Amino acid sequence: MATTFQSFLIIQTAFIGDVILATALIEKLRKFYPHASIDFLLRKGNETLLEGNPNIRKVIIWDKKKGKIKNLFKLTAYVRSKKYDCVVNAHRFASSGLITVFSRSKIQTGFDKNPWSFLFTHRIKHDLKLNLHETDRNQKLIEFITDSDRALPKLYPSPMDFEKMSEFQTSRYICVAPTSVWFTKQFPVSQWIDFLYSINDEVDFIYLLGGPGDRAVCEDIRTNSNHYKVANLSGQLSFLESAALMKGAWMNFVNDSAPMHLASAMNAPVTAVFCSTVPSLGFGPLSEYSNIIETTEKLECRPCGLHGYKKCPQGHFKCATTISVESLQNCLTK
């Protein structure tokens, strides 16, 4: 089997967390096809996640913000010219399906929810009711050419990334990534503030992580927590630098969002707060040491969706406000 495939293309043009989880496909394919070329197609902005990955030959970037359709047709033509033996499409939307179908690859495997999947050579069911982790669902795409064992996502920060982070790692510290793209996935700012305020001698430093757009929120948390140990690093670190910092943390506190998957890819200790979503949807932490924090109340409205909303559909946001700060504090006894 290992001599059958000489080249693979993995497609995942969704968001940061989706790309991180799809790196498990890279690990599995490399194990079974050590001499094959593996390329990865993703959206512009996520390419630095795969920097330094020794198992990738080429990262192909799709700019969705400028000339999206024009770039789509250019990409489709480029992919077709590469004559891949196998295209693995982990994305469930039409654009990636178009690329897959017109790749003319020998094998085209993707999820049945993709509108073009009826033309794939292998159409795999994507069922949230199976209570599988998304990493395992992804690997069903290649199970027929590998095996059914789980491979884990993995990122490869460089020695320079780790060296740069060493200045923050002189003593025990925790990382807190308090934001999310979706409001209903985000533990409320006031409760993050209360949590940080409650931390005394358990740790020496607290680092707030996030992107440039999260800096104002993180600064609000830093200022109002009235804690001299807190440093706001949001917008200052790359994805892989953040991953390197999280790797050495005593604990990483996150929402159901991209930083949780960064922790999983580094096997870093993590405490994940789930508000409107639930781990059984298949996006929970994969680190060996992980905690899941969620409300103890039985709410008929939870989960209210797969990805969350910009505001609580019911108006009360009890899935978040009923989570106690003490439940996070208890995770500092690791």
C-alpha atoms as a PDB file:
ATOM      1  CA  MET A   1       0.000   0.000   0.000  1.00  0.00           C
ATOM      2  CA  ALA A   2       2.809   2.409   0.902  1.00  0.00           C
ATOM      3  CA  THR A   3       4.165   2.415  -2.653  1.00  0.00           C
ATOM      4  CA  THR A   4       0.778   3.237  -4.182  1.00  0.00           C
ATOM      5  CA  PHE A   5       0.637   6.913  -3.255  1.00  0.00           C
ATOM      6  CA  GLN A   6       3.454   9.300  -4.059  1.00  0.00           C
ATOM      7  CA  SER A   7       1.686  12.626  -3.449  1.00  0.00           C
ATOM      8  CA  PHE A   8      -1.093  13.922  -1.215  1.00  0.00           C
ATOM      9  CA  LEU A   9      -2.943  17.201  -0.875  1.00  0.00           C
ATOM     10  CA  ILE A  10      -4.816  17.979   2.355  1.00  0.00           C
ATOM     11  CA  ILE A  11      -7.418  20.740   2.133  1.00  0.00           C
ATOM     12  CA  GLN A  12      -8.667  22.654   5.167  1.00  0.00           C
ATOM     13  CA  THR A  13      -9.514  26.266   4.391  1.00  0.00           C
ATOM     14  CA  ALA A  14     -11.589  26.966   7.519  1.00  0.00           C
ATOM     15  CA  PHE A  15     -10.321  28.575  10.715  1.00  0.00           C
ATOM     16  CA  ILE A  16      -7.252  28.263  12.941  1.00  0.00           C
ATOM     17  CA  GLY A  17      -8.561  25.445  15.111  1.00  0.00           C
ATOM     18  CA  ASP A  18      -9.690  23.428  12.092  1.00  0.00           C
ATOM     19  CA  VAL A  19      -6.214  23.612  10.563  1.00  0.00           C
ATOM     20  CA  ILE A  20      -4.585  22.574  13.831  1.00  0.00           C
ATOM     21  CA  LEU A  21      -6.849  19.536  14.146  1.00  0.00           C
ATOM     22  CA  ALA A  22      -6.150  18.612  10.518  1.00  0.00           C
ATOM     23  CA  THR A  23      -2.422  18.353  11.264  1.00  0.00           C
ATOM     24  CA  ALA A  24      -3.212  14.900  12.653  1.00  0.00           C
ATOM     25  CA  LEU A  25      -3.850  13.861   9.049  1.00  0.00           C
ATOM     26  CA  ILE A  26      -0.304  14.917   8.195  1.00  0.00           C
ATOM     27  CA  GLU A  27       1.089  12.803  11.034  1.00  0.00           C
ATOM     28  CA  LYS A  28      -0.902   9.736  10.011  1.00  0.00           C
ATOM     29  CA  LEU A  29      -0.057   9.966   6.309  1.00  0.00           C
ATOM     30  CA  ARG A  30       3.637  10.450   7.052  1.00  0.00           C
ATOM     31  CA  LYS A  31       3.643   7.337   9.205  1.00  0.00           C
ATOM     32  CA  PHE A  32       2.141   5.181   6.459  1.00  0.00           C
ATOM     33  CA  TYR A  33       3.734   6.865   3.458  1.00  0.00           C
ATOM     34  CA  PRO A  34       7.182   8.006   4.631  1.00  0.00           C
ATOM     35  CA  HIS A  35       8.426   8.857   1.134  1.00  0.00           C
ATOM     36  CA  ALA A  36       5.324  10.573  -0.241  1.00  0.00           C
ATOM     37  CA  SER A  37       5.033  14.324  -0.804  1.00  0.00           C
ATOM     38  CA  ILE A  38       2.376  15.989   1.349  1.00  0.00           C
ATOM     39  CA  ASP A  39       1.048  19.464   0.514  1.00  0.00           C
ATOM     40  CA  PHE A  40      -1.521  21.434   2.526  1.00  0.00           C
ATOM     41  CA  LEU A  41      -4.014  23.997   1.206  1.00  0.00           C
ATOM     42  CA  LEU A  42      -5.342  26.572   3.683  1.00  0.00           C
ATOM     43  CA  ARG A  43      -6.686  30.119   3.858  1.00  0.00           C
ATOM     44  CA  LYS A  44      -4.359  33.109   3.987  1.00  0.00           C
ATOM     45  CA  GLY A  45      -3.527  34.022   7.562  1.00  0.00           C
ATOM     46  CA  ASN A  46      -3.185  30.453   8.817  1.00  0.00           C
ATOM     47  CA  GLU A  47      -0.023  29.504   6.935  1.00  0.00           C
ATOM     48  CA  THR A  48       2.346  30.232   9.828  1.00  0.00           C
ATOM     49  CA  LEU A  49       0.754  27.367  11.768  1.00  0.00           C
ATOM     50  CA  LEU A  50       2.612  24.944   9.509  1.00  0.00           C
ATOM     51  CA  GLU A  51       5.988  26.670   9.579  1.00  0.00           C
ATOM     52  CA  GLY A  52       8.752  24.238  10.449  1.00  0.00           C
ATOM     53  CA  ASN A  53       6.589  21.159   9.899  1.00  0.00           C
ATOM     54  CA  PRO A  54       9.075  18.598   8.542  1.00  0.00           C
ATOM     55  CA  ASN A  55       6.306  16.489   7.030  1.00  0.00           C
ATOM     56  CA  ILE A  56       5.010  19.167   4.657  1.00  0.00           C
ATOM     57  CA  ARG A  57       6.497  19.798   1.221  1.00  0.00           C
ATOM     58  CA  LYS A  58       4.467  22.876   0.326  1.00  0.00           C
ATOM     59  CA  VAL A  59       1.806  25.061   1.912  1.00  0.00           C
ATOM     60  CA  ILE A  60      -0.660  26.392  -0.661  1.00  0.00           C
ATOM     61  CA  ILE A  61      -2.422  29.609   0.346  1.00  0.00           C
ATOM     62  CA  TRP A  62      -5.867  30.758  -0.730  1.00  0.00           C
ATOM     63  CA  ASP A  63      -6.528  34.467  -0.207  1.00  0.00           C
ATOM     64  CA  LYS A  64     -10.259  34.580   0.507  1.00  0.00           C
ATOM     65  CA  LYS A  65     -10.389  38.304   1.207  1.00  0.00           C
ATOM     66  CA  LYS A  66      -9.044  39.679  -2.080  1.00  0.00           C
ATOM     67  CA  GLY A  67     -10.335  38.282  -5.348  1.00  0.00           C
ATOM     68  CA  LYS A  68     -11.768  35.207  -3.673  1.00  0.00           C
ATOM     69  CA  ILE A  69     -13.414  33.688  -6.772  1.00  0.00           C
ATOM     70  CA  LYS A  70     -10.562  34.596  -9.105  1.00  0.00           C
ATOM     71  CA  ASN A  71      -8.069  33.031  -6.709  1.00  0.00           C
ATOM     72  CA  LEU A  72     -10.285  29.967  -6.349  1.00  0.00           C
ATOM     73  CA  PHE A  73     -10.090  29.233 -10.075  1.00  0.00           C
ATOM     74  CA  LYS A  74      -6.342  29.853 -10.080  1.00  0.00           C
ATOM     75  CA  LEU A  75      -5.936  27.416  -7.202  1.00  0.00           C
ATOM     76  CA  THR A  76      -8.103  24.832  -8.923  1.00  0.00           C
ATOM     77  CA  ALA A  77      -5.943  25.011 -12.037  1.00  0.00           C
ATOM     78  CA  TYR A  78      -2.759  24.820  -9.971  1.00  0.00           C
ATOM     79  CA  VAL A  79      -3.948  21.796  -7.987  1.00  0.00           C
ATOM     80  CA  ARG A  80      -4.978  20.048 -11.176  1.00  0.00           C
ATOM     81  CA  SER A  81      -1.512  20.666 -12.676  1.00  0.00           C
ATOM     82  CA  LYS A  82       0.167  18.917  -9.718  1.00  0.00           C
ATOM     83  CA  LYS A  83      -1.560  15.601 -10.504  1.00  0.00           C
ATOM     84  CA  TYR A  84      -1.873  14.472  -6.902  1.00  0.00           C
ATOM     85  CA  ASP A  85      -2.439  10.791  -6.276  1.00  0.00           C
ATOM     86  CA  CYS A  86      -4.832  11.576  -3.417  1.00  0.00           C
ATOM     87  CA  VAL A  87      -6.713  14.696  -2.311  1.00  0.00           C
ATOM     88  CA  VAL A  88      -7.977  14.624   1.290  1.00  0.00           C
ATOM     89  CA  ASN A  89     -10.634  17.282   1.826  1.00  0.00           C
ATOM     90  CA  ALA A  90     -11.375  17.966   5.490  1.00  0.00           C
ATOM     91  CA  HIS A  91     -13.415  21.072   4.611  1.00  0.00           C
ATOM     92  CA  ARG A  92     -17.167  20.655   4.248  1.00  0.00           C
ATOM     93  CA  PHE A  93     -18.053  23.527   1.927  1.00  0.00           C
ATOM     94  CA  ALA A  94     -18.507  23.920  -1.822  1.00  0.00           C
ATOM     95  CA  SER A  95     -15.346  25.851  -2.669  1.00  0.00           C
ATOM     96  CA  SER A  96     -13.010  23.123  -1.471  1.00  0.00           C
ATOM     97  CA  GLY A  97     -15.225  20.504  -3.103  1.00  0.00           C
ATOM     98  CA  LEU A  98     -14.751  22.232  -6.433  1.00  0.00           C
ATOM     99  CA  ILE A  99     -10.974  22.115  -6.040  1.00  0.00           C
ATOM    100  CA  THR A 100     -11.175  18.448  -5.083  1.00  0.00           C
ATOM    101  CA  VAL A 101     -13.333  17.367  -8.012  1.00  0.00           C
ATOM    102  CA  PHE A 102     -11.342  19.230 -10.633  1.00  0.00           C
ATOM    103  CA  SER A 103      -8.022  18.049  -9.216  1.00  0.00           C
ATOM    104  CA  ARG A 104      -8.437  14.900 -11.322  1.00  0.00           C
ATOM    105  CA  SER A 105      -6.587  13.016  -8.584  1.00  0.00           C
ATOM    106  CA  LYS A 106      -6.813   9.236  -8.490  1.00  0.00           C
ATOM    107  CA  ILE A 107      -8.411   9.316  -5.053  1.00  0.00           C
ATOM    108  CA  GLN A 108     -10.655  12.106  -3.753  1.00  0.00           C
ATOM    109  CA  THR A 109     -11.895  11.655  -0.218  1.00  0.00           C
ATOM    110  CA  GLY A 110     -14.109  14.076   1.676  1.00  0.00           C
ATOM    111  CA  PHE A 111     -17.176  14.408   3.887  1.00  0.00           C
ATOM    112  CA  ASP A 112     -20.685  13.785   2.634  1.00  0.00           C
ATOM    113  CA  LYS A 113     -21.732  17.279   3.774  1.00  0.00           C
ATOM    114  CA  ASN A 114     -19.635  18.816   1.021  1.00  0.00           C
ATOM    115  CA  PRO A 115     -22.013  19.727  -1.855  1.00  0.00           C
ATOM    116  CA  TRP A 116     -19.575  18.227  -4.392  1.00  0.00           C
ATOM    117  CA  SER A 117     -19.031  14.998  -2.466  1.00  0.00           C
ATOM    118  CA  PHE A 118     -21.259  12.982  -4.797  1.00  0.00           C
ATOM    119  CA  LEU A 119     -18.392  13.203  -7.295  1.00  0.00           C
ATOM    120  CA  PHE A 120     -15.627  12.181  -4.851  1.00  0.00           C
ATOM    121  CA  THR A 121     -14.228   8.677  -5.125  1.00  0.00           C
ATOM    122  CA  HIS A 122     -14.710   8.256  -1.359  1.00  0.00           C
ATOM    123  CA  ARG A 123     -17.583   9.948   0.470  1.00  0.00           C
ATOM    124  CA  ILE A 124     -17.299   9.749   4.268  1.00  0.00           C
ATOM    125  CA  LYS A 125     -20.172  10.430   6.657  1.00  0.00           C
ATOM    126  CA  HIS A 126     -19.658  13.395   8.976  1.00  0.00           C
ATOM    127  CA  ASP A 127     -21.977  12.787  11.898  1.00  0.00           C
ATOM    128  CA  LEU A 128     -21.882  14.894  15.044  1.00  0.00           C
ATOM    129  CA  LYS A 129     -24.115  12.350  16.767  1.00  0.00           C
ATOM    130  CA  LEU A 130     -21.363   9.742  16.770  1.00  0.00           C
ATOM    131  CA  ASN A 131     -19.747  11.520  19.737  1.00  0.00           C
ATOM    132  CA  LEU A 132     -16.362  11.348  18.019  1.00  0.00           C
ATOM    133  CA  HIS A 133     -13.671  13.952  18.307  1.00  0.00           C
ATOM    134  CA  GLU A 134     -13.243  15.975  15.107  1.00  0.00           C
ATOM    135  CA  THR A 135      -9.701  14.620  14.840  1.00  0.00           C
ATOM    136  CA  ASP A 136     -11.123  11.092  14.668  1.00  0.00           C
ATOM    137  CA  ARG A 137     -13.791  12.144  12.178  1.00  0.00           C
ATOM    138  CA  ASN A 138     -11.060  13.627   9.988  1.00  0.00           C
ATOM    139  CA  GLN A 139      -9.059  10.426  10.119  1.00  0.00           C
ATOM    140  CA  LYS A 140     -11.982   8.420   8.806  1.00  0.00           C
ATOM    141  CA  LEU A 141     -11.190  10.219   5.534  1.00  0.00           C
ATOM    142  CA  ILE A 142      -7.967   8.211   5.237  1.00  0.00           C
ATOM    143  CA  GLU A 143      -8.814   5.127   7.268  1.00  0.00           C
ATOM    144  CA  PHE A 144      -9.124   3.043   4.111  1.00  0.00           C
ATOM    145  CA  ILE A 145      -5.482   3.751   3.206  1.00  0.00           C
ATOM    146  CA  THR A 146      -4.053   3.802   6.758  1.00  0.00           C
ATOM    147  CA  ASP A 147      -5.731   2.347   9.860  1.00  0.00           C
ATOM    148  CA  SER A 148      -8.304   3.211  12.525  1.00  0.00           C
ATOM    149  CA  ASP A 149      -5.820   4.198  15.245  1.00  0.00           C
ATOM    150  CA  ARG A 150      -5.879   7.791  16.461  1.00  0.00           C
ATOM    151  CA  ALA A 151      -3.135  10.203  15.430  1.00  0.00           C
ATOM    152  CA  LEU A 152      -2.901  13.476  17.302  1.00  0.00           C
ATOM    153  CA  PRO A 153      -2.485  17.019  15.959  1.00  0.00           C
ATOM    154  CA  LYS A 154       1.021  18.406  16.173  1.00  0.00           C
ATOM    155  CA  LEU A 155       2.726  21.763  15.660  1.00  0.00           C
ATOM    156  CA  TYR A 156       6.449  22.399  15.315  1.00  0.00           C
ATOM    157  CA  PRO A 157       7.660  25.618  16.967  1.00  0.00           C
ATOM    158  CA  SER A 158      11.283  26.290  16.044  1.00  0.00           C
ATOM    159  CA  PRO A 159      14.206  26.414  18.495  1.00  0.00           C
ATOM    160  CA  MET A 160      14.076  30.188  17.989  1.00  0.00           C
ATOM    161  CA  ASP A 161      10.416  30.239  19.065  1.00  0.00           C
ATOM    162  CA  PHE A 162      11.290  28.379  22.270  1.00  0.00           C
ATOM    163  CA  GLU A 163      14.332  30.571  22.868  1.00  0.00           C
ATOM    164  CA  LYS A 164      12.283  33.740  22.481  1.00  0.00           C
ATOM    165  CA  MET A 165       9.733  32.453  24.994  1.00  0.00           C
ATOM    166  CA  SER A 166      12.400  31.466  27.521  1.00  0.00           C
ATOM    167  CA  GLU A 167      12.417  35.008  28.939  1.00  0.00           C
ATOM    168  CA  PHE A 168       8.843  34.422  30.156  1.00  0.00           C
ATOM    169  CA  GLN A 169       9.608  30.983  31.592  1.00  0.00           C
ATOM    170  CA  THR A 170      11.946  31.734  34.464  1.00  0.00           C
ATOM    171  CA  SER A 171       9.444  30.513  37.074  1.00  0.00           C
ATOM    172  CA  ARG A 172       6.015  28.922  37.385  1.00  0.00           C
ATOM    173  CA  TYR A 173       3.396  30.586  35.183  1.00  0.00           C
ATOM    174  CA  ILE A 174      -0.034  30.067  33.674  1.00  0.00           C
ATOM    175  CA  CYS A 175      -1.452  31.265  30.368  1.00  0.00           C
ATOM    176  CA  VAL A 176      -4.990  32.578  29.966  1.00  0.00           C
ATOM    177  CA  ALA A 177      -6.582  33.000  26.528  1.00  0.00           C
ATOM    178  CA  PRO A 178      -9.832  34.729  27.531  1.00  0.00           C
ATOM    179  CA  THR A 179     -11.432  35.557  24.176  1.00  0.00           C
ATOM    180  CA  SER A 180     -13.256  33.823  21.352  1.00  0.00           C
ATOM    181  CA  VAL A 181     -14.536  34.843  17.936  1.00  0.00           C
ATOM    182  CA  TRP A 182     -17.992  33.866  19.203  1.00  0.00           C
ATOM    183  CA  PHE A 183     -19.408  35.678  22.216  1.00  0.00           C
ATOM    184  CA  THR A 184     -21.339  32.670  23.536  1.00  0.00           C
ATOM    185  CA  LYS A 185     -18.163  30.578  23.593  1.00  0.00           C
ATOM    186  CA  GLN A 186     -16.381  33.113  25.771  1.00  0.00           C
ATOM    187  CA  PHE A 187     -16.270  32.946  29.542  1.00  0.00           C
ATOM    188  CA  PRO A 188     -17.421  36.431  30.625  1.00  0.00           C
ATOM    189  CA  VAL A 189     -14.753  39.079  31.121  1.00  0.00           C
ATOM    190  CA  SER A 190     -16.003  39.851  34.636  1.00  0.00           C
ATOM    191  CA  GLN A 191     -15.503  36.211  35.623  1.00  0.00           C
ATOM    192  CA  TRP A 192     -12.007  36.060  34.145  1.00  0.00           C
ATOM    193  CA  ILE A 193     -11.241  39.161  36.224  1.00  0.00           C
ATOM    194  CA  ASP A 194     -12.570  37.493  39.376  1.00  0.00           C
ATOM    195  CA  PHE A 195     -10.534  34.388  38.628  1.00  0.00           C
ATOM    196  CA  LEU A 196      -7.271  36.290  38.188  1.00  0.00           C
ATOM    197  CA  TYR A 197      -7.988  38.385  41.279  1.00  0.00           C
ATOM    198  CA  SER A 198      -8.336  35.178  43.303  1.00  0.00           C
ATOM    199  CA  ILE A 199      -4.878  33.858  42.374  1.00  0.00           C
ATOM    200  CA  ASN A 200      -2.352  34.381  45.137  1.00  0.00           C
ATOM    201  CA  ASP A 201       0.826  32.353  45.539  1.00  0.00           C
ATOM    202  CA  GLU A 202      -0.027  29.440  43.253  1.00  0.00           C
ATOM    203  CA  VAL A 203       1.911  30.932  40.319  1.00  0.00           C
ATOM    204  CA  ASP A 204       4.515  33.638  39.750  1.00  0.00           C
ATOM    205  CA  PHE A 205       3.255  35.023  36.438  1.00  0.00           C
ATOM    206  CA  ILE A 206       0.008  35.101  34.457  1.00  0.00           C
ATOM    207  CA  TYR A 207       0.217  35.692  30.706  1.00  0.00           C
ATOM    208  CA  LEU A 208      -2.836  36.802  28.730  1.00  0.00           C
ATOM    209  CA  LEU A 209      -2.780  35.485  25.160  1.00  0.00           C
ATOM    210  CA  GLY A 210      -4.713  36.409  22.032  1.00  0.00           C
ATOM    211  CA  GLY A 211      -4.474  38.085  18.649  1.00  0.00           C
ATOM    212  CA  PRO A 212      -4.111  41.804  17.917  1.00  0.00           C
ATOM    213  CA  GLY A 213      -7.892  42.209  18.015  1.00  0.00           C
ATOM    214  CA  ASP A 214      -8.017  40.794  21.547  1.00  0.00           C
ATOM    215  CA  ARG A 215      -5.589  43.255  23.072  1.00  0.00           C
ATOM    216  CA  ALA A 216      -8.199  45.707  24.385  1.00  0.00           C
ATOM    217  CA  VAL A 217     -10.193  42.973  26.126  1.00  0.00           C
ATOM    218  CA  CYS A 218      -7.044  41.472  27.619  1.00  0.00           C
ATOM    219  CA  GLU A 219      -5.932  44.886  28.821  1.00  0.00           C
ATOM    220  CA  ASP A 220      -9.309  45.405  30.463  1.00  0.00           C
ATOM    221  CA  ILE A 221      -8.886  42.088  32.261  1.00  0.00           C
ATOM    222  CA  ARG A 222      -5.312  42.892  33.274  1.00  0.00           C
ATOM    223  CA  THR A 223      -6.181  46.320  34.622  1.00  0.00           C
ATOM    224  CA  ASN A 224      -9.317  45.352  36.500  1.00  0.00           C
ATOM    225  CA  SER A 225      -7.915  42.174  38.003  1.00  0.00           C
ATOM    226  CA  ASN A 226      -5.630  44.483  39.997  1.00  0.00           C
ATOM    227  CA  HIS A 227      -2.937  41.802  39.894  1.00  0.00           C
ATOM    228  CA  TYR A 228       0.729  42.714  39.596  1.00  0.00           C
ATOM    229  CA  LYS A 229       1.563  39.258  38.193  1.00  0.00           C
ATOM    230  CA  VAL A 230      -0.492  39.687  35.008  1.00  0.00           C
ATOM    231  CA  ALA A 231       1.155  40.557  31.651  1.00  0.00           C
ATOM    232  CA  ASN A 232      -0.804  41.211  28.475  1.00  0.00           C
ATOM    233  CA  LEU A 233       0.968  39.454  25.573  1.00  0.00           C
ATOM    234  CA  SER A 234      -1.969  39.493  23.151  1.00  0.00           C
ATOM    235  CA  GLY A 235      -1.002  40.610  19.666  1.00  0.00           C
ATOM    236  CA  GLN A 236       2.717  40.245  20.447  1.00  0.00           C
ATOM    237  CA  LEU A 237       3.279  36.556  19.720  1.00  0.00           C
ATOM    238  CA  SER A 238       2.979  34.386  16.626  1.00  0.00           C
ATOM    239  CA  PHE A 239       0.916  31.199  16.670  1.00  0.00           C
ATOM    240  CA  LEU A 240       4.002  29.059  17.202  1.00  0.00           C
ATOM    241  CA  GLU A 241       5.475  31.351  19.835  1.00  0.00           C
ATOM    242  CA  SER A 242       2.190  31.130  21.728  1.00  0.00           C
ATOM    243  CA  ALA A 243       2.311  27.344  21.349  1.00  0.00           C
ATOM    244  CA  ALA A 244       5.874  27.265  22.726  1.00  0.00           C
ATOM    245  CA  LEU A 245       4.839  29.392  25.707  1.00  0.00           C
ATOM    246  CA  MET A 246       1.796  27.229  26.406  1.00  0.00           C
ATOM    247  CA  LYS A 247       3.937  24.097  26.293  1.00  0.00           C
ATOM    248  CA  GLY A 248       5.853  25.162  29.397  1.00  0.00           C
ATOM    249  CA  ALA A 249       2.895  26.527  31.371  1.00  0.00           C
ATOM    250  CA  TRP A 250       1.780  25.107  34.684  1.00  0.00           C
ATOM    251  CA  MET A 251      -1.741  25.376  33.256  1.00  0.00           C
ATOM    252  CA  ASN A 252      -3.426  26.977  30.248  1.00  0.00           C
ATOM    253  CA  PHE A 253      -6.937  28.372  30.732  1.00  0.00           C
ATOM    254  CA  VAL A 254      -8.909  28.695  27.503  1.00  0.00           C
ATOM    255  CA  ASN A 255     -12.390  28.780  25.997  1.00  0.00           C
ATOM    256  CA  ASP A 256     -13.683  26.334  23.394  1.00  0.00           C
ATOM    257  CA  SER A 257     -11.558  28.104  20.782  1.00  0.00           C
ATOM    258  CA  ALA A 258      -8.277  28.009  18.851  1.00  0.00           C
ATOM    259  CA  PRO A 259      -5.947  28.262  21.907  1.00  0.00           C
ATOM    260  CA  MET A 260      -7.433  25.007  23.208  1.00  0.00           C
ATOM    261  CA  HIS A 261      -6.321  23.297  19.999  1.00  0.00           C
ATOM    262  CA  LEU A 262      -2.885  24.943  20.261  1.00  0.00           C
ATOM    263  CA  ALA A 263      -2.580  23.293  23.669  1.00  0.00           C
ATOM    264  CA  SER A 264      -3.677  19.937  22.234  1.00  0.00           C
ATOM    265  CA  ALA A 265      -1.102  20.136  19.453  1.00  0.00           C
ATOM    266  CA  MET A 266       1.639  20.748  22.041  1.00  0.00           C
ATOM    267  CA  ASN A 267       0.263  18.241  24.570  1.00  0.00           C
ATOM    268  CA  ALA A 268       0.244  21.155  27.020  1.00  0.00           C
ATOM    269  CA  PRO A 269      -1.833  21.058  30.226  1.00  0.00           C
ATOM    270  CA  VAL A 270      -5.131  22.781  29.627  1.00  0.00           C
ATOM    271  CA  THR A 271      -8.368  23.738  31.332  1.00  0.00           C
ATOM    272  CA  ALA A 272     -11.090  24.404  28.779  1.00  0.00           C
ATOM    273  CA  VAL A 273     -14.224  26.366  29.665  1.00  0.00           C
ATOM    274  CA  PHE A 274     -17.277  25.355  27.635  1.00  0.00           C
ATOM    275  CA  CYS A 275     -20.169  27.798  27.673  1.00  0.00           C
ATOM    276  CA  SER A 276     -22.732  27.492  24.857  1.00  0.00           C
ATOM    277  CA  THR A 277     -21.044  24.463  23.266  1.00  0.00           C
ATOM    278  CA  VAL A 278     -20.362  21.008  24.716  1.00  0.00           C
ATOM    279  CA  PRO A 279     -17.348  18.677  24.420  1.00  0.00           C
ATOM    280  CA  SER A 280     -19.487  15.881  22.989  1.00  0.00           C
ATOM    281  CA  LEU A 281     -19.730  17.830  19.727  1.00  0.00           C
ATOM    282  CA  GLY A 282     -16.163  16.634  19.154  1.00  0.00           C
ATOM    283  CA  PHE A 283     -13.939  19.640  19.762  1.00  0.00           C
ATOM    284  CA  GLY A 284     -12.673  19.047  23.291  1.00  0.00           C
ATOM    285  CA  PRO A 285      -9.047  19.131  24.471  1.00  0.00           C
ATOM    286  CA  LEU A 286      -6.716  16.254  23.556  1.00  0.00           C
ATOM    287  CA  SER A 287      -3.822  16.934  25.935  1.00  0.00           C
ATOM    288  CA  GLU A 288      -2.878  14.123  28.308  1.00  0.00           C
ATOM    289  CA  TYR A 289      -3.620  16.446  31.218  1.00  0.00           C
ATOM    290  CA  SER A 290      -6.828  18.355  30.581  1.00  0.00           C
ATOM    291  CA  ASN A 291      -9.825  19.638  32.487  1.00  0.00           C
ATOM    292  CA  ILE A 292     -13.249  20.562  31.183  1.00  0.00           C
ATOM    293  CA  ILE A 293     -15.240  23.233  32.991  1.00  0.00           C
ATOM    294  CA  GLU A 294     -18.941  23.727  32.267  1.00  0.00           C
ATOM    295  CA  THR A 295     -22.133  24.694  34.041  1.00  0.00           C
ATOM    296  CA  THR A 296     -23.706  22.176  36.376  1.00  0.00           C
ATOM    297  CA  GLU A 297     -27.184  23.476  35.559  1.00  0.00           C
ATOM    298  CA  LYS A 298     -29.383  21.488  33.183  1.00  0.00           C
ATOM    299  CA  LEU A 299     -30.158  23.935  30.404  1.00  0.00           C
ATOM    300  CA  GLU A 300     -32.483  22.803  27.625  1.00  0.00           C
ATOM    301  CA  CYS A 301     -30.976  25.424  25.306  1.00  0.00           C
ATOM    302  CA  ARG A 302     -27.444  24.025  25.583  1.00  0.00           C
ATOM    303  CA  PRO A 303     -25.750  23.476  23.230  1.00  0.00           C
ATOM    304  CA  CYS A 304     -27.362  26.182  21.144  1.00  0.00           C
ATOM    305  CA  GLY A 305     -25.142  25.430  18.140  1.00  0.00           C
ATOM    306  CA  LEU A 306     -21.897  23.995  16.881  1.00  0.00           C
ATOM    307  CA  HIS A 307     -19.925  27.251  16.738  1.00  0.00           C
ATOM    308  CA  GLY A 308     -21.694  29.622  19.106  1.00  0.00           C
ATOM    309  CA  TYR A 309     -23.332  32.999  18.457  1.00  0.00           C
ATOM    310  CA  LYS A 310     -22.589  36.701  18.712  1.00  0.00           C
ATOM    311  CA  LYS A 311     -25.096  36.888  21.555  1.00  0.00           C
ATOM    312  CA  CYS A 312     -27.120  34.481  23.663  1.00  0.00           C
ATOM    313  CA  PRO A 313     -30.278  33.470  21.720  1.00  0.00           C
ATOM    314  CA  GLN A 314     -32.183  33.218  25.014  1.00  0.00           C
ATOM    315  CA  GLY A 315     -30.869  36.488  26.420  1.00  0.00           C
ATOM    316  CA  HIS A 316     -29.724  35.059  29.769  1.00  0.00           C
ATOM    317  CA  PHE A 317     -26.322  33.447  28.948  1.00  0.00           C
ATOM    318  CA  LYS A 318     -26.702  31.079  31.892  1.00  0.00           C
ATOM    319  CA  CYS A 319     -24.390  28.531  30.271  1.00  0.00           C
ATOM    320  CA  ALA A 320     -21.543  30.936  31.149  1.00  0.00           C
ATOM    321  CA  THR A 321     -22.721  33.016  34.096  1.00  0.00           C
ATOM    322  CA  THR A 322     -23.525  29.929  36.202  1.00  0.00           C
ATOM    323  CA  ILE A 323     -19.960  28.592  35.969  1.00  0.00           C
ATOM    324  CA  SER A 324     -18.180  29.231  39.256  1.00  0.00           C
ATOM    325  CA  VAL A 325     -14.767  30.846  39.449  1.00  0.00           C
ATOM    326  CA  GLU A 326     -13.929  28.248  42.107  1.00  0.00           C
ATOM    327  CA  SER A 327     -14.096  25.496  39.477  1.00  0.00           C
ATOM    328  CA  LEU A 328     -11.201  27.176  37.649  1.00  0.00           C
ATOM    329  CA  GLN A 329      -9.293  27.740  40.886  1.00  0.00           C
ATOM    330  CA  ASN A 330      -9.470  24.024  41.632  1.00  0.00           C
ATOM    331  CA  CYS A 331      -7.507  23.333  38.440  1.00  0.00           C
ATOM    332  CA  LEU A 332      -4.505  25.172  39.846  1.00  0.00           C
ATOM    333  CA  THR A 333      -3.841  22.250  42.189  1.00  0.00           C
ATOM    334  CA  LYS A 334      -2.354  20.208  39.294  1.00  0.00           C
END
